[in-house]
């Protein structure tokens, strides 16, 4: 891509910048370097499909299986902090 005054003016207008002539020269030089760097990236080999994930996505979830749960007595068996069949916690103010 050729960097000329029209391109610099369009970019400055889109970015809402007011550039002095010295800033335009500097911006043109830096903009050309940036575009050159991107042209090197564009020439890198790539797959036909965009890669949003580096590894294939697999379903890692398991099926839900119904299993028996603890009884209330078993759940409260190992705590000293219980009252009326429930866990007793600190007071909320």
PDB file of N, CA and C in Angstrom:
ATOM      1  N   UNK A   1       0.843  -1.168   0.000  1.00  0.00           N
ATOM      2  CA  UNK A   1       0.000   0.000   0.000  1.00  0.00           C
ATOM      3  C   UNK A   1       0.891   1.235   0.000  1.00  0.00           C
ATOM      4  N   UNK A   2       0.537   2.162  -0.861  1.00  0.00           N
ATOM      5  CA  UNK A   2       1.328   3.380  -0.977  1.00  0.00           C
ATOM      6  C   UNK A   2       0.819   4.414   0.026  1.00  0.00           C
ATOM      7  N   UNK A   3       1.739   4.964   0.780  1.00  0.00           N
ATOM      8  CA  UNK A   3       1.398   5.998   1.757  1.00  0.00           C
ATOM      9  C   UNK A   3       1.656   7.353   1.113  1.00  0.00           C
ATOM     10  N   UNK A   4       0.572   8.081   0.857  1.00  0.00           N
ATOM     11  CA  UNK A   4       0.702   9.411   0.262  1.00  0.00           C
ATOM     12  C   UNK A   4      -0.066  10.416   1.117  1.00  0.00           C
ATOM     13  N   UNK A   5      -0.050  11.670   0.676  1.00  0.00           N
ATOM     14  CA  UNK A   5      -0.700  12.734   1.452  1.00  0.00           C
ATOM     15  C   UNK A   5      -2.200  12.510   1.601  1.00  0.00           C
ATOM     16  N   UNK A   6      -2.843  11.965   0.579  1.00  0.00           N
ATOM     17  CA  UNK A   6      -4.286  11.727   0.648  1.00  0.00           C
ATOM     18  C   UNK A   6      -4.612  10.690   1.712  1.00  0.00           C
ATOM     19  N   UNK A   7      -3.796   9.631   1.798  1.00  0.00           N
ATOM     20  CA  UNK A   7      -4.013   8.597   2.800  1.00  0.00           C
ATOM     21  C   UNK A   7      -3.789   9.155   4.207  1.00  0.00           C
ATOM     22  N   UNK A   8      -2.714   9.925   4.364  1.00  0.00           N
ATOM     23  CA  UNK A   8      -2.420  10.523   5.678  1.00  0.00           C
ATOM     24  C   UNK A   8      -3.548  11.453   6.094  1.00  0.00           C
ATOM     25  N   UNK A   9      -4.052  12.229   5.157  1.00  0.00           N
ATOM     26  CA  UNK A   9      -5.148  13.152   5.462  1.00  0.00           C
ATOM     27  C   UNK A   9      -6.416  12.382   5.846  1.00  0.00           C
ATOM     28  N   UNK A  10      -6.700  11.289   5.142  1.00  0.00           N
ATOM     29  CA  UNK A  10      -7.894  10.486   5.446  1.00  0.00           C
ATOM     30  C   UNK A  10      -7.783   9.840   6.821  1.00  0.00           C
ATOM     31  N   UNK A  11      -6.610   9.305   7.142  1.00  0.00           N
ATOM     32  CA  UNK A  11      -6.410   8.676   8.453  1.00  0.00           C
ATOM     33  C   UNK A  11      -6.511   9.723   9.558  1.00  0.00           C
ATOM     34  N   UNK A  12      -5.900  10.883   9.350  1.00  0.00           N
ATOM     35  CA  UNK A  12      -5.955  11.953  10.354  1.00  0.00           C
ATOM     36  C   UNK A  12      -7.389  12.432  10.552  1.00  0.00           C
ATOM     37  N   UNK A  13      -8.144  12.503   9.455  1.00  0.00           N
ATOM     38  CA  UNK A  13      -9.538  12.942   9.553  1.00  0.00           C
ATOM     39  C   UNK A  13     -10.363  11.910  10.326  1.00  0.00           C
ATOM     40  N   UNK A  14     -10.175  10.629  10.021  1.00  0.00           N
ATOM     41  CA  UNK A  14     -10.903   9.574  10.735  1.00  0.00           C
ATOM     42  C   UNK A  14     -10.537   9.526  12.213  1.00  0.00           C
ATOM     43  N   UNK A  15      -9.282   9.811  12.526  1.00  0.00           N
ATOM     44  CA  UNK A  15      -8.830   9.822  13.915  1.00  0.00           C
ATOM     45  C   UNK A  15      -9.077  11.163  14.594  1.00  0.00           C
ATOM     46  N   UNK A  16      -9.627  12.109  13.836  1.00  0.00           N
ATOM     47  CA  UNK A  16      -9.908  13.460  14.341  1.00  0.00           C
ATOM     48  C   UNK A  16      -8.642  14.131  14.882  1.00  0.00           C
ATOM     49  N   UNK A  17      -7.598  14.054  14.070  1.00  0.00           N
ATOM     50  CA  UNK A  17      -6.318  14.664  14.415  1.00  0.00           C
ATOM     51  C   UNK A  17      -6.055  15.861  13.525  1.00  0.00           C
ATOM     52  N   UNK A  18      -5.466  16.868  14.099  1.00  0.00           N
ATOM     53  CA  UNK A  18      -4.991  18.005  13.327  1.00  0.00           C
ATOM     54  C   UNK A  18      -3.472  17.934  13.347  1.00  0.00           C
ATOM     55  N   UNK A  19      -2.878  17.660  12.190  1.00  0.00           N
ATOM     56  CA  UNK A  19      -1.435  17.460  12.114  1.00  0.00           C
ATOM     57  C   UNK A  19      -0.755  18.636  11.439  1.00  0.00           C
ATOM     58  N   UNK A  20       0.393  19.014  11.971  1.00  0.00           N
ATOM     59  CA  UNK A  20       1.229  20.024  11.338  1.00  0.00           C
ATOM     60  C   UNK A  20       1.980  19.354  10.183  1.00  0.00           C
ATOM     61  N   UNK A  21       2.576  20.134   9.292  1.00  0.00           N
ATOM     62  CA  UNK A  21       3.339  19.525   8.179  1.00  0.00           C
ATOM     63  C   UNK A  21       4.460  18.604   8.668  1.00  0.00           C
ATOM     64  N   UNK A  22       5.152  18.980   9.743  1.00  0.00           N
ATOM     65  CA  UNK A  22       6.212  18.111  10.281  1.00  0.00           C
ATOM     66  C   UNK A  22       5.627  16.816  10.834  1.00  0.00           C
ATOM     67  N   UNK A  23       4.485  16.924  11.501  1.00  0.00           N
ATOM     68  CA  UNK A  23       3.839  15.732  12.042  1.00  0.00           C
ATOM     69  C   UNK A  23       3.340  14.825  10.927  1.00  0.00           C
ATOM     70  N   UNK A  24       2.887  15.412   9.816  1.00  0.00           N
ATOM     71  CA  UNK A  24       2.440  14.617   8.670  1.00  0.00           C
ATOM     72  C   UNK A  24       3.592  13.797   8.089  1.00  0.00           C
ATOM     73  N   UNK A  25       4.769  14.420   7.974  1.00  0.00           N
ATOM     74  CA  UNK A  25       5.938  13.706   7.442  1.00  0.00           C
ATOM     75  C   UNK A  25       6.319  12.550   8.372  1.00  0.00           C
ATOM     76  N   UNK A  26       6.364  12.846   9.665  1.00  0.00           N
ATOM     77  CA  UNK A  26       6.720  11.819  10.648  1.00  0.00           C
ATOM     78  C   UNK A  26       5.679  10.705  10.652  1.00  0.00           C
ATOM     79  N   UNK A  27       4.401  11.083  10.615  1.00  0.00           N
ATOM     80  CA  UNK A  27       3.322  10.106  10.619  1.00  0.00           C
ATOM     81  C   UNK A  27       3.379   9.229   9.369  1.00  0.00           C
ATOM     82  N   UNK A  28       3.673   9.820   8.230  1.00  0.00           N
ATOM     83  CA  UNK A  28       3.761   9.062   6.978  1.00  0.00           C
ATOM     84  C   UNK A  28       4.875   8.019   7.063  1.00  0.00           C
ATOM     85  N   UNK A  29       6.020   8.419   7.608  1.00  0.00           N
ATOM     86  CA  UNK A  29       7.146   7.498   7.739  1.00  0.00           C
ATOM     87  C   UNK A  29       6.792   6.349   8.691  1.00  0.00           C
ATOM     88  N   UNK A  30       6.219   6.676   9.849  1.00  0.00           N
ATOM     89  CA  UNK A  30       5.873   5.644  10.827  1.00  0.00           C
ATOM     90  C   UNK A  30       4.743   4.746  10.329  1.00  0.00           C
ATOM     91  N   UNK A  31       3.781   5.355   9.633  1.00  0.00           N
ATOM     92  CA  UNK A  31       2.659   4.593   9.097  1.00  0.00           C
ATOM     93  C   UNK A  31       3.135   3.603   8.040  1.00  0.00           C
ATOM     94  N   UNK A  32       4.095   4.010   7.225  1.00  0.00           N
ATOM     95  CA  UNK A  32       4.664   3.122   6.209  1.00  0.00           C
ATOM     96  C   UNK A  32       5.374   1.942   6.869  1.00  0.00           C
ATOM     97  N   UNK A  33       6.080   2.186   7.967  1.00  0.00           N
ATOM     98  CA  UNK A  33       6.749   1.101   8.696  1.00  0.00           C
ATOM     99  C   UNK A  33       5.729   0.120   9.274  1.00  0.00           C
ATOM    100  N   UNK A  34       4.642   0.641   9.813  1.00  0.00           N
ATOM    101  CA  UNK A  34       3.604  -0.219  10.383  1.00  0.00           C
ATOM    102  C   UNK A  34       2.968  -1.075   9.294  1.00  0.00           C
ATOM    103  N   UNK A  35       2.633  -0.464   8.160  1.00  0.00           N
ATOM    104  CA  UNK A  35       2.033  -1.223   7.064  1.00  0.00           C
ATOM    105  C   UNK A  35       2.996  -2.271   6.520  1.00  0.00           C
ATOM    106  N   UNK A  36       4.286  -1.954   6.508  1.00  0.00           N
ATOM    107  CA  UNK A  36       5.291  -2.919   6.065  1.00  0.00           C
ATOM    108  C   UNK A  36       5.325  -4.118   7.012  1.00  0.00           C
ATOM    109  N   UNK A  37       5.240  -3.861   8.302  1.00  0.00           N
ATOM    110  CA  UNK A  37       5.228  -4.954   9.277  1.00  0.00           C
ATOM    111  C   UNK A  37       4.001  -5.838   9.085  1.00  0.00           C
ATOM    112  N   UNK A  38       2.855  -5.222   8.822  1.00  0.00           N
ATOM    113  CA  UNK A  38       1.656  -6.012   8.592  1.00  0.00           C
ATOM    114  C   UNK A  38       1.730  -6.792   7.286  1.00  0.00           C
ATOM    115  N   UNK A  39       2.424  -6.277   6.298  1.00  0.00           N
ATOM    116  CA  UNK A  39       2.554  -7.029   5.053  1.00  0.00           C
ATOM    117  C   UNK A  39       3.393  -8.286   5.272  1.00  0.00           C
ATOM    118  N   UNK A  40       4.368  -8.232   6.181  1.00  0.00           N
ATOM    119  CA  UNK A  40       5.143  -9.436   6.516  1.00  0.00           C
ATOM    120  C   UNK A  40       4.259 -10.450   7.222  1.00  0.00           C
ATOM    121  N   UNK A  41       3.384  -9.979   8.082  1.00  0.00           N
ATOM    122  CA  UNK A  41       2.471 -10.883   8.787  1.00  0.00           C
ATOM    123  C   UNK A  41       1.501 -11.523   7.800  1.00  0.00           C
ATOM    124  N   UNK A  42       1.015 -10.740   6.856  1.00  0.00           N
ATOM    125  CA  UNK A  42       0.057 -11.257   5.875  1.00  0.00           C
ATOM    126  C   UNK A  42       0.672 -12.329   4.987  1.00  0.00           C
ATOM    127  N   UNK A  43       1.972 -12.306   4.802  1.00  0.00           N
ATOM    128  CA  UNK A  43       2.608 -13.304   3.943  1.00  0.00           C
ATOM    129  C   UNK A  43       2.917 -14.607   4.685  1.00  0.00           C
ATOM    130  N   UNK A  44       2.660 -14.662   5.975  1.00  0.00           N
ATOM    131  CA  UNK A  44       2.920 -15.876   6.751  1.00  0.00           C
ATOM    132  C   UNK A  44       1.925 -16.965   6.349  1.00  0.00           C
ATOM    133  N   UNK A  45       2.371 -18.225   6.328  1.00  0.00           N
ATOM    134  CA  UNK A  45       1.449 -19.300   5.957  1.00  0.00           C
ATOM    135  C   UNK A  45       0.356 -19.455   7.021  1.00  0.00           C
ATOM    136  N   UNK A  46      -0.856 -19.672   6.553  1.00  0.00           N
ATOM    137  CA  UNK A  46      -1.978 -19.829   7.468  1.00  0.00           C
ATOM    138  C   UNK A  46      -2.931 -20.877   6.915  1.00  0.00           C
ATOM    139  N   UNK A  47      -3.714 -21.449   7.795  1.00  0.00           N
ATOM    140  CA  UNK A  47      -4.708 -22.440   7.378  1.00  0.00           C
ATOM    141  C   UNK A  47      -5.847 -21.738   6.642  1.00  0.00           C
ATOM    142  N   UNK A  48      -6.628 -22.537   5.953  1.00  0.00           N
ATOM    143  CA  UNK A  48      -7.750 -21.974   5.213  1.00  0.00           C
ATOM    144  C   UNK A  48      -8.838 -21.428   6.135  1.00  0.00           C
ATOM    145  N   UNK A  49      -8.989 -22.058   7.291  1.00  0.00           N
ATOM    146  CA  UNK A  49     -10.011 -21.619   8.233  1.00  0.00           C
ATOM    147  C   UNK A  49      -9.382 -20.750   9.313  1.00  0.00           C
ATOM    148  N   UNK A  50     -10.107 -19.755   9.793  1.00  0.00           N
ATOM    149  CA  UNK A  50      -9.574 -18.963  10.900  1.00  0.00           C
ATOM    150  C   UNK A  50      -9.471 -19.826  12.152  1.00  0.00           C
ATOM    151  N   UNK A  51      -8.409 -19.638  12.896  1.00  0.00           N
ATOM    152  CA  UNK A  51      -8.210 -20.453  14.092  1.00  0.00           C
ATOM    153  C   UNK A  51      -8.553 -19.636  15.326  1.00  0.00           C
ATOM    154  N   UNK A  52      -9.741 -19.859  15.836  1.00  0.00           N
ATOM    155  CA  UNK A  52     -10.139 -19.165  17.058  1.00  0.00           C
ATOM    156  C   UNK A  52      -9.720 -19.952  18.281  1.00  0.00           C
ATOM    157  N   UNK A  53      -9.494 -21.258  18.103  1.00  0.00           N
ATOM    158  CA  UNK A  53      -9.025 -22.102  19.197  1.00  0.00           C
ATOM    159  C   UNK A  53      -7.806 -22.880  18.712  1.00  0.00           C
ATOM    160  N   UNK A  54      -6.740 -22.919  19.489  1.00  0.00           N
ATOM    161  CA  UNK A  54      -5.552 -23.629  19.028  1.00  0.00           C
ATOM    162  C   UNK A  54      -5.726 -25.139  19.032  1.00  0.00           C
ATOM    163  N   UNK A  55      -6.664 -25.649  19.818  1.00  0.00           N
ATOM    164  CA  UNK A  55      -6.896 -27.083  19.898  1.00  0.00           C
ATOM    165  C   UNK A  55      -8.356 -27.359  19.551  1.00  0.00           C
ATOM    166  N   UNK A  56      -8.646 -28.528  19.046  1.00  0.00           N
ATOM    167  CA  UNK A  56     -10.042 -28.840  18.725  1.00  0.00           C
ATOM    168  C   UNK A  56     -10.903 -28.799  19.984  1.00  0.00           C
ATOM    169  N   UNK A  57     -12.109 -28.313  19.825  1.00  0.00           N
ATOM    170  CA  UNK A  57     -13.022 -28.232  20.963  1.00  0.00           C
ATOM    171  C   UNK A  57     -13.755 -29.558  21.086  1.00  0.00           C
ATOM    172  N   UNK A  58     -13.726 -30.097  22.279  1.00  0.00           N
ATOM    173  CA  UNK A  58     -14.440 -31.335  22.549  1.00  0.00           C
ATOM    174  C   UNK A  58     -15.390 -31.102  23.704  1.00  0.00           C
ATOM    175  N   UNK A  59     -16.448 -31.843  23.711  1.00  0.00           N
ATOM    176  CA  UNK A  59     -17.398 -31.761  24.806  1.00  0.00           C
ATOM    177  C   UNK A  59     -16.796 -32.490  26.003  1.00  0.00           C
ATOM    178  N   UNK A  60     -16.455 -31.758  27.033  1.00  0.00           N
ATOM    179  CA  UNK A  60     -15.796 -32.364  28.188  1.00  0.00           C
ATOM    180  C   UNK A  60     -16.745 -32.546  29.362  1.00  0.00           C
ATOM    181  N   UNK A  61     -18.019 -32.261  29.133  1.00  0.00           N
ATOM    182  CA  UNK A  61     -18.965 -32.434  30.223  1.00  0.00           C
ATOM    183  C   UNK A  61     -19.412 -33.888  30.281  1.00  0.00           C
ATOM    184  N   UNK A  62     -19.875 -34.295  31.406  1.00  0.00           N
ATOM    185  CA  UNK A  62     -20.339 -35.665  31.573  1.00  0.00           C
ATOM    186  C   UNK A  62     -21.857 -35.660  31.640  1.00  0.00           C
ATOM    187  N   UNK A  63     -22.419 -36.787  31.423  1.00  0.00           N
ATOM    188  CA  UNK A  63     -23.863 -36.927  31.538  1.00  0.00           C
ATOM    189  C   UNK A  63     -24.259 -36.859  33.010  1.00  0.00           C
ATOM    190  N   UNK A  64     -25.394 -36.271  33.277  1.00  0.00           N
ATOM    191  CA  UNK A  64     -25.902 -36.221  34.643  1.00  0.00           C
ATOM    192  C   UNK A  64     -26.395 -37.604  35.039  1.00  0.00           C
ATOM    193  N   UNK A  65     -25.951 -38.039  36.193  1.00  0.00           N
ATOM    194  CA  UNK A  65     -26.394 -39.324  36.722  1.00  0.00           C
ATOM    195  C   UNK A  65     -26.973 -39.086  38.098  1.00  0.00           C
ATOM    196  N   UNK A  66     -28.139 -39.623  38.304  1.00  0.00           N
ATOM    197  CA  UNK A  66     -28.776 -39.460  39.596  1.00  0.00           C
ATOM    198  C   UNK A  66     -28.159 -40.450  40.566  1.00  0.00           C
ATOM    199  N   UNK A  67     -27.706 -39.950  41.691  1.00  0.00           N
ATOM    200  CA  UNK A  67     -27.092 -40.776  42.723  1.00  0.00           C
ATOM    201  C   UNK A  67     -27.753 -40.439  44.045  1.00  0.00           C
ATOM    202  N   UNK A  68     -27.718 -41.365  44.957  1.00  0.00           N
ATOM    203  CA  UNK A  68     -28.312 -41.061  46.269  1.00  0.00           C
ATOM    204  C   UNK A  68     -27.479 -40.003  46.991  1.00  0.00           C
ATOM    205  N   UNK A  69     -28.146 -39.099  47.664  1.00  0.00           N
ATOM    206  CA  UNK A  69     -27.427 -38.049  48.381  1.00  0.00           C
ATOM    207  C   UNK A  69     -27.393 -38.369  49.868  1.00  0.00           C
ATOM    208  N   UNK A  70     -26.662 -37.557  50.609  1.00  0.00           N
ATOM    209  CA  UNK A  70     -26.550 -37.759  52.055  1.00  0.00           C
ATOM    210  C   UNK A  70     -27.864 -37.454  52.744  1.00  0.00           C
ATOM    211  N   UNK A  71     -28.105 -38.170  53.808  1.00  0.00           N
ATOM    212  CA  UNK A  71     -29.260 -37.818  54.632  1.00  0.00           C
ATOM    213  C   UNK A  71     -28.886 -36.585  55.455  1.00  0.00           C
ATOM    214  N   UNK A  72     -29.878 -35.971  56.035  1.00  0.00           N
ATOM    215  CA  UNK A  72     -29.615 -34.762  56.819  1.00  0.00           C
ATOM    216  C   UNK A  72     -28.726 -35.093  58.019  1.00  0.00           C
ATOM    217  N   UNK A  73     -28.942 -36.228  58.620  1.00  0.00           N
ATOM    218  CA  UNK A  73     -28.128 -36.625  59.783  1.00  0.00           C
ATOM    219  C   UNK A  73     -26.682 -36.878  59.373  1.00  0.00           C
ATOM    220  N   UNK A  74     -26.485 -37.544  58.232  1.00  0.00           N
ATOM    221  CA  UNK A  74     -25.122 -37.806  57.758  1.00  0.00           C
ATOM    222  C   UNK A  74     -24.400 -36.509  57.396  1.00  0.00           C
ATOM    223  N   UNK A  75     -25.109 -35.557  56.805  1.00  0.00           N
ATOM    224  CA  UNK A  75     -24.495 -34.290  56.425  1.00  0.00           C
ATOM    225  C   UNK A  75     -24.062 -33.495  57.644  1.00  0.00           C
ATOM    226  N   UNK A  76     -24.817 -33.581  58.719  1.00  0.00           N
ATOM    227  CA  UNK A  76     -24.506 -32.823  59.939  1.00  0.00           C
ATOM    228  C   UNK A  76     -23.655 -33.609  60.926  1.00  0.00           C
ATOM    229  N   UNK A  77     -23.273 -34.841  60.596  1.00  0.00           N
ATOM    230  CA  UNK A  77     -22.585 -35.712  61.539  1.00  0.00           C
ATOM    231  C   UNK A  77     -21.227 -35.166  61.978  1.00  0.00           C
ATOM    232  N   UNK A  78     -20.490 -34.475  61.117  1.00  0.00           N
ATOM    233  CA  UNK A  78     -19.124 -34.060  61.442  1.00  0.00           C
ATOM    234  C   UNK A  78     -19.005 -32.607  61.872  1.00  0.00           C
ATOM    235  N   UNK A  79     -20.077 -31.964  62.242  1.00  0.00           N
ATOM    236  CA  UNK A  79     -19.987 -30.574  62.669  1.00  0.00           C
ATOM    237  C   UNK A  79     -20.521 -30.422  64.085  1.00  0.00           C
ATOM    238  N   UNK A  80     -19.942 -29.480  64.793  1.00  0.00           N
ATOM    239  CA  UNK A  80     -20.442 -29.148  66.129  1.00  0.00           C
ATOM    240  C   UNK A  80     -21.415 -27.980  66.041  1.00  0.00           C
ATOM    241  N   UNK A  81     -21.412 -27.288  64.913  1.00  0.00           N
ATOM    242  CA  UNK A  81     -22.221 -26.082  64.742  1.00  0.00           C
ATOM    243  C   UNK A  81     -23.512 -26.427  64.005  1.00  0.00           C
ATOM    244  N   UNK A  82     -24.489 -26.958  64.743  1.00  0.00           N
ATOM    245  CA  UNK A  82     -25.770 -27.303  64.165  1.00  0.00           C
ATOM    246  C   UNK A  82     -26.874 -26.975  65.158  1.00  0.00           C
ATOM    247  N   UNK A  83     -28.043 -26.700  64.620  1.00  0.00           N
ATOM    248  CA  UNK A  83     -29.182 -26.391  65.473  1.00  0.00           C
ATOM    249  C   UNK A  83     -30.450 -26.729  64.704  1.00  0.00           C
ATOM    250  N   UNK A  84     -31.305 -27.499  65.295  1.00  0.00           N
ATOM    251  CA  UNK A  84     -32.603 -27.865  64.720  1.00  0.00           C
ATOM    252  C   UNK A  84     -32.481 -28.494  63.338  1.00  0.00           C
ATOM    253  N   UNK A  85     -31.444 -29.309  63.132  1.00  0.00           N
ATOM    254  CA  UNK A  85     -31.296 -30.015  61.872  1.00  0.00           C
ATOM    255  C   UNK A  85     -30.642 -29.198  60.762  1.00  0.00           C
ATOM    256  N   UNK A  86     -30.067 -28.037  61.082  1.00  0.00           N
ATOM    257  CA  UNK A  86     -29.422 -27.171  60.082  1.00  0.00           C
ATOM    258  C   UNK A  86     -28.017 -26.803  60.555  1.00  0.00           C
ATOM    259  N   UNK A  87     -27.148 -26.400  59.604  1.00  0.00           N
ATOM    260  CA  UNK A  87     -25.854 -25.847  59.968  1.00  0.00           C
ATOM    261  C   UNK A  87     -26.077 -24.502  60.628  1.00  0.00           C
ATOM    262  N   UNK A  88     -25.332 -24.250  61.688  1.00  0.00           N
ATOM    263  CA  UNK A  88     -25.435 -22.972  62.389  1.00  0.00           C
ATOM    264  C   UNK A  88     -24.248 -22.118  61.966  1.00  0.00           C
ATOM    265  N   UNK A  89     -24.543 -20.932  61.443  1.00  0.00           N
ATOM    266  CA  UNK A  89     -23.497 -20.044  60.980  1.00  0.00           C
ATOM    267  C   UNK A  89     -23.425 -18.790  61.837  1.00  0.00           C
ATOM    268  N   UNK A  90     -22.486 -17.918  61.556  1.00  0.00           N
ATOM    269  CA  UNK A  90     -22.365 -16.692  62.334  1.00  0.00           C
ATOM    270  C   UNK A  90     -23.557 -15.776  62.070  1.00  0.00           C
ATOM    271  N   UNK A  91     -23.833 -14.942  63.012  1.00  0.00           N
ATOM    272  CA  UNK A  91     -24.941 -13.994  62.892  1.00  0.00           C
ATOM    273  C   UNK A  91     -24.681 -12.982  61.796  1.00  0.00           C
ATOM    274  N   UNK A  92     -25.692 -12.696  61.042  1.00  0.00           N
ATOM    275  CA  UNK A  92     -25.602 -11.635  60.027  1.00  0.00           C
ATOM    276  C   UNK A  92     -26.256 -10.393  60.590  1.00  0.00           C
ATOM    277  N   UNK A  93     -25.525  -9.308  60.594  1.00  0.00           N
ATOM    278  CA  UNK A  93     -26.071  -8.076  61.168  1.00  0.00           C
ATOM    279  C   UNK A  93     -26.805  -7.278  60.160  1.00  0.00           C
TER     280      UNK A  93
END
